[in-house]
Amino acid sequence: MATLDRSFVDGVFWRMLALGALLALITAWAISPRFGYSMALGTLTSALSLRVTAFVVAKMIKGAIDGNPGAAGWAAVLAFKLAILFFAIWFCLSTLSAHAVGFILGYKVLLPALAWQAVLTRRDRRSTDDDADDNEST
């Protein structure tokens, strides 16, 4: 049976947190502490959303592979997660006084983290393929 490889998502998650923390520290120093705080909140919100989405999608795929008709219920959980995400963003911007631009930039740290992980995964795959080619030729 096929399984969902979560190592890519795990790599993106940890790279998001590292990159987001670095950018939050830099912007807190260069722009304002509120802006850095907002970037950290946005990054944390995005990282947690990625984790929950990966978990729910893995459950949906596993249920579909196993032929479980109840797997469609995970789609409702995903919709509920989106509602919670909407509330979390509203809470951060209104109650926690996050700077909107800083929050959005922190939330979008997902994109460079995703590119970073894709490049590393491609490089690892290429070196693994090169090792396999070397082993076949001997």
C-alpha atoms as a PDB file:
ATOM      1  CA  MET A   1       0.000   0.000   0.000  1.00  0.00           C
ATOM      2  CA  ALA A   2       1.095   3.542  -0.679  1.00  0.00           C
ATOM      3  CA  THR A   3       1.731   5.905   2.189  1.00  0.00           C
ATOM      4  CA  LEU A   4       2.129   9.643   2.338  1.00  0.00           C
ATOM      5  CA  ASP A   5       5.744  10.679   2.881  1.00  0.00           C
ATOM      6  CA  ARG A   6       5.632  13.455   5.470  1.00  0.00           C
ATOM      7  CA  SER A   7       9.372  14.170   5.480  1.00  0.00           C
ATOM      8  CA  PHE A   8       8.928  16.944   2.893  1.00  0.00           C
ATOM      9  CA  VAL A   9       6.244  18.658   4.980  1.00  0.00           C
ATOM     10  CA  ASP A  10       8.362  18.234   8.117  1.00  0.00           C
ATOM     11  CA  GLY A  11      11.288  19.900   6.357  1.00  0.00           C
ATOM     12  CA  VAL A  12       9.129  22.799   5.206  1.00  0.00           C
ATOM     13  CA  PHE A  13       7.709  23.196   8.729  1.00  0.00           C
ATOM     14  CA  TRP A  14      11.122  23.444  10.423  1.00  0.00           C
ATOM     15  CA  ARG A  15      12.540  25.693   7.708  1.00  0.00           C
ATOM     16  CA  MET A  16       9.520  27.981   8.088  1.00  0.00           C
ATOM     17  CA  LEU A  17      10.109  28.292  11.810  1.00  0.00           C
ATOM     18  CA  ALA A  18      13.843  28.934  11.398  1.00  0.00           C
ATOM     19  CA  LEU A  19      13.440  31.443   8.582  1.00  0.00           C
ATOM     20  CA  GLY A  20      10.489  33.137  10.283  1.00  0.00           C
ATOM     21  CA  ALA A  21      12.383  33.516  13.560  1.00  0.00           C
ATOM     22  CA  LEU A  22      15.388  34.985  11.762  1.00  0.00           C
ATOM     23  CA  LEU A  23      13.270  37.439   9.780  1.00  0.00           C
ATOM     24  CA  ALA A  24      11.253  38.383  12.870  1.00  0.00           C
ATOM     25  CA  LEU A  25      14.453  39.203  14.769  1.00  0.00           C
ATOM     26  CA  ILE A  26      15.853  41.221  11.870  1.00  0.00           C
ATOM     27  CA  THR A  27      12.650  43.196  11.330  1.00  0.00           C
ATOM     28  CA  ALA A  28      12.191  43.758  15.079  1.00  0.00           C
ATOM     29  CA  TRP A  29      15.636  45.351  15.097  1.00  0.00           C
ATOM     30  CA  ALA A  30      15.443  47.182  11.739  1.00  0.00           C
ATOM     31  CA  ILE A  31      11.784  48.262  11.593  1.00  0.00           C
ATOM     32  CA  SER A  32      10.030  47.936  14.958  1.00  0.00           C
ATOM     33  CA  PRO A  33       9.436  45.356  17.680  1.00  0.00           C
ATOM     34  CA  ARG A  34       5.724  45.269  16.774  1.00  0.00           C
ATOM     35  CA  PHE A  35       6.551  44.440  13.154  1.00  0.00           C
ATOM     36  CA  GLY A  36       8.899  41.627  14.205  1.00  0.00           C
ATOM     37  CA  TYR A  37       6.300  40.318  16.670  1.00  0.00           C
ATOM     38  CA  SER A  38       3.707  40.373  13.892  1.00  0.00           C
ATOM     39  CA  MET A  39       6.013  38.449  11.557  1.00  0.00           C
ATOM     40  CA  ALA A  40       6.575  35.840  14.270  1.00  0.00           C
ATOM     41  CA  LEU A  41       2.810  35.502  14.810  1.00  0.00           C
ATOM     42  CA  GLY A  42       2.195  35.151  11.066  1.00  0.00           C
ATOM     43  CA  THR A  43       4.906  32.522  10.717  1.00  0.00           C
ATOM     44  CA  LEU A  44       3.627  30.542  13.682  1.00  0.00           C
ATOM     45  CA  THR A  45       0.044  30.675  12.385  1.00  0.00           C
ATOM     46  CA  SER A  46       1.124  29.517   8.938  1.00  0.00           C
ATOM     47  CA  ALA A  47       3.333  26.723  10.306  1.00  0.00           C
ATOM     48  CA  LEU A  48       0.569  25.376  12.539  1.00  0.00           C
ATOM     49  CA  SER A  49      -1.898  25.572   9.647  1.00  0.00           C
ATOM     50  CA  LEU A  50       0.525  23.575   7.483  1.00  0.00           C
ATOM     51  CA  ARG A  51       0.871  20.910  10.191  1.00  0.00           C
ATOM     52  CA  VAL A  52      -2.890  20.517  10.636  1.00  0.00           C
ATOM     53  CA  THR A  53      -3.502  20.458   6.888  1.00  0.00           C
ATOM     54  CA  ALA A  54      -0.818  17.793   6.379  1.00  0.00           C
ATOM     55  CA  PHE A  55      -2.334  15.667   9.155  1.00  0.00           C
ATOM     56  CA  VAL A  56      -5.881  15.927   7.779  1.00  0.00           C
ATOM     57  CA  VAL A  57      -4.825  15.275   4.179  1.00  0.00           C
ATOM     58  CA  ALA A  58      -2.794  12.236   5.294  1.00  0.00           C
ATOM     59  CA  LYS A  59      -5.895  10.863   7.050  1.00  0.00           C
ATOM     60  CA  MET A  60      -8.007  11.507   3.944  1.00  0.00           C
ATOM     61  CA  ILE A  61      -5.511   9.732   1.676  1.00  0.00           C
ATOM     62  CA  LYS A  62      -5.083   6.796   4.050  1.00  0.00           C
ATOM     63  CA  GLY A  63      -8.854   6.408   4.311  1.00  0.00           C
ATOM     64  CA  ALA A  64      -9.234   6.510   0.539  1.00  0.00           C
ATOM     65  CA  ILE A  65      -6.478   3.933   0.055  1.00  0.00           C
ATOM     66  CA  ASP A  66      -8.029   1.652   2.664  1.00  0.00           C
ATOM     67  CA  GLY A  67     -11.443   2.034   1.032  1.00  0.00           C
ATOM     68  CA  ASN A  68     -12.965   3.628   4.114  1.00  0.00           C
ATOM     69  CA  PRO A  69     -16.153   5.484   3.140  1.00  0.00           C
ATOM     70  CA  GLY A  70     -15.861   7.583   6.317  1.00  0.00           C
ATOM     71  CA  ALA A  71     -12.692   9.222   5.009  1.00  0.00           C
ATOM     72  CA  ALA A  72     -14.808  11.913   3.388  1.00  0.00           C
ATOM     73  CA  GLY A  73     -15.537  13.206   6.890  1.00  0.00           C
ATOM     74  CA  TRP A  74     -12.003  14.566   7.002  1.00  0.00           C
ATOM     75  CA  ALA A  75     -13.046  17.104   4.361  1.00  0.00           C
ATOM     76  CA  ALA A  76     -15.427  18.573   6.942  1.00  0.00           C
ATOM     77  CA  VAL A  77     -12.535  18.741   9.411  1.00  0.00           C
ATOM     78  CA  LEU A  78     -10.530  20.623   6.786  1.00  0.00           C
ATOM     79  CA  ALA A  79     -13.378  23.114   6.328  1.00  0.00           C
ATOM     80  CA  PHE A  80     -13.578  23.529  10.116  1.00  0.00           C
ATOM     81  CA  LYS A  81      -9.817  24.133  10.177  1.00  0.00           C
ATOM     82  CA  LEU A  82     -10.243  26.939   7.655  1.00  0.00           C
ATOM     83  CA  ALA A  83     -12.871  28.555   9.876  1.00  0.00           C
ATOM     84  CA  ILE A  84     -10.530  28.323  12.864  1.00  0.00           C
ATOM     85  CA  LEU A  85      -7.728  29.788  10.744  1.00  0.00           C
ATOM     86  CA  PHE A  86      -9.957  32.725   9.820  1.00  0.00           C
ATOM     87  CA  PHE A  87     -10.718  33.314  13.499  1.00  0.00           C
ATOM     88  CA  ALA A  88      -7.020  32.995  14.454  1.00  0.00           C
ATOM     89  CA  ILE A  89      -5.996  35.600  11.875  1.00  0.00           C
ATOM     90  CA  TRP A  90      -8.754  37.944  13.022  1.00  0.00           C
ATOM     91  CA  PHE A  91      -7.712  37.422  16.664  1.00  0.00           C
ATOM     92  CA  CYS A  92      -4.047  38.169  15.915  1.00  0.00           C
ATOM     93  CA  LEU A  93      -4.856  41.334  13.982  1.00  0.00           C
ATOM     94  CA  SER A  94      -7.572  42.735  16.225  1.00  0.00           C
ATOM     95  CA  THR A  95      -6.886  41.546  19.762  1.00  0.00           C
ATOM     96  CA  LEU A  96      -3.123  40.991  19.727  1.00  0.00           C
ATOM     97  CA  SER A  97      -2.587  44.208  17.710  1.00  0.00           C
ATOM     98  CA  ALA A  98      -0.405  42.566  15.095  1.00  0.00           C
ATOM     99  CA  HIS A  99       0.775  44.768  12.244  1.00  0.00           C
ATOM    100  CA  ALA A 100      -1.133  43.580   9.167  1.00  0.00           C
ATOM    101  CA  VAL A 101       1.796  43.790   6.732  1.00  0.00           C
ATOM    102  CA  GLY A 102       4.161  42.095   9.176  1.00  0.00           C
ATOM    103  CA  PHE A 103       1.638  39.332   9.813  1.00  0.00           C
ATOM    104  CA  ILE A 104       1.125  38.726   6.098  1.00  0.00           C
ATOM    105  CA  LEU A 105       4.869  38.673   5.424  1.00  0.00           C
ATOM    106  CA  GLY A 106       5.341  36.218   8.290  1.00  0.00           C
ATOM    107  CA  TYR A 107       2.495  34.080   6.986  1.00  0.00           C
ATOM    108  CA  LYS A 108       4.102  34.013   3.551  1.00  0.00           C
ATOM    109  CA  VAL A 109       7.424  32.672   4.881  1.00  0.00           C
ATOM    110  CA  LEU A 110       5.916  29.396   3.673  1.00  0.00           C
ATOM    111  CA  LEU A 111       6.944  30.226   0.102  1.00  0.00           C
ATOM    112  CA  PRO A 112      10.729  30.598   0.588  1.00  0.00           C
ATOM    113  CA  ALA A 113      10.705  27.653   3.013  1.00  0.00           C
ATOM    114  CA  LEU A 114       8.937  25.546   0.400  1.00  0.00           C
ATOM    115  CA  ALA A 115      11.478  26.546  -2.264  1.00  0.00           C
ATOM    116  CA  TRP A 116      14.358  25.840   0.139  1.00  0.00           C
ATOM    117  CA  GLN A 117      13.018  22.361   0.930  1.00  0.00           C
ATOM    118  CA  ALA A 118      12.373  21.616  -2.760  1.00  0.00           C
ATOM    119  CA  VAL A 119      15.954  22.517  -3.688  1.00  0.00           C
ATOM    120  CA  LEU A 120      17.371  20.367  -0.877  1.00  0.00           C
ATOM    121  CA  THR A 121      15.104  17.448  -1.770  1.00  0.00           C
ATOM    122  CA  ARG A 122      16.109  17.672  -5.422  1.00  0.00           C
ATOM    123  CA  ARG A 123      19.804  17.801  -4.492  1.00  0.00           C
ATOM    124  CA  ASP A 124      19.416  14.797  -2.168  1.00  0.00           C
ATOM    125  CA  ARG A 125      17.541  12.860  -4.844  1.00  0.00           C
ATOM    126  CA  ARG A 126      20.217  13.708  -7.433  1.00  0.00           C
ATOM    127  CA  SER A 127      23.050  12.529  -5.152  1.00  0.00           C
ATOM    128  CA  THR A 128      21.108   9.326  -4.374  1.00  0.00           C
ATOM    129  CA  ASP A 129      20.602   8.715  -8.104  1.00  0.00           C
ATOM    130  CA  ASP A 130      24.335   9.331  -8.722  1.00  0.00           C
ATOM    131  CA  ASP A 131      25.224   6.808  -6.003  1.00  0.00           C
ATOM    132  CA  ALA A 132      22.860   4.256  -7.556  1.00  0.00           C
ATOM    133  CA  ASP A 133      24.434   4.817 -10.991  1.00  0.00           C
ATOM    134  CA  ASP A 134      27.919   4.302  -9.503  1.00  0.00           C
ATOM    135  CA  ASN A 135      26.816   1.056  -7.857  1.00  0.00           C
ATOM    136  CA  GLU A 136      25.302  -0.269 -11.094  1.00  0.00           C
ATOM    137  CA  SER A 137      28.442   0.409 -13.123  1.00  0.00           C
ATOM    138  CA  THR A 138      30.723  -1.576 -10.799  1.00  0.00           C
END
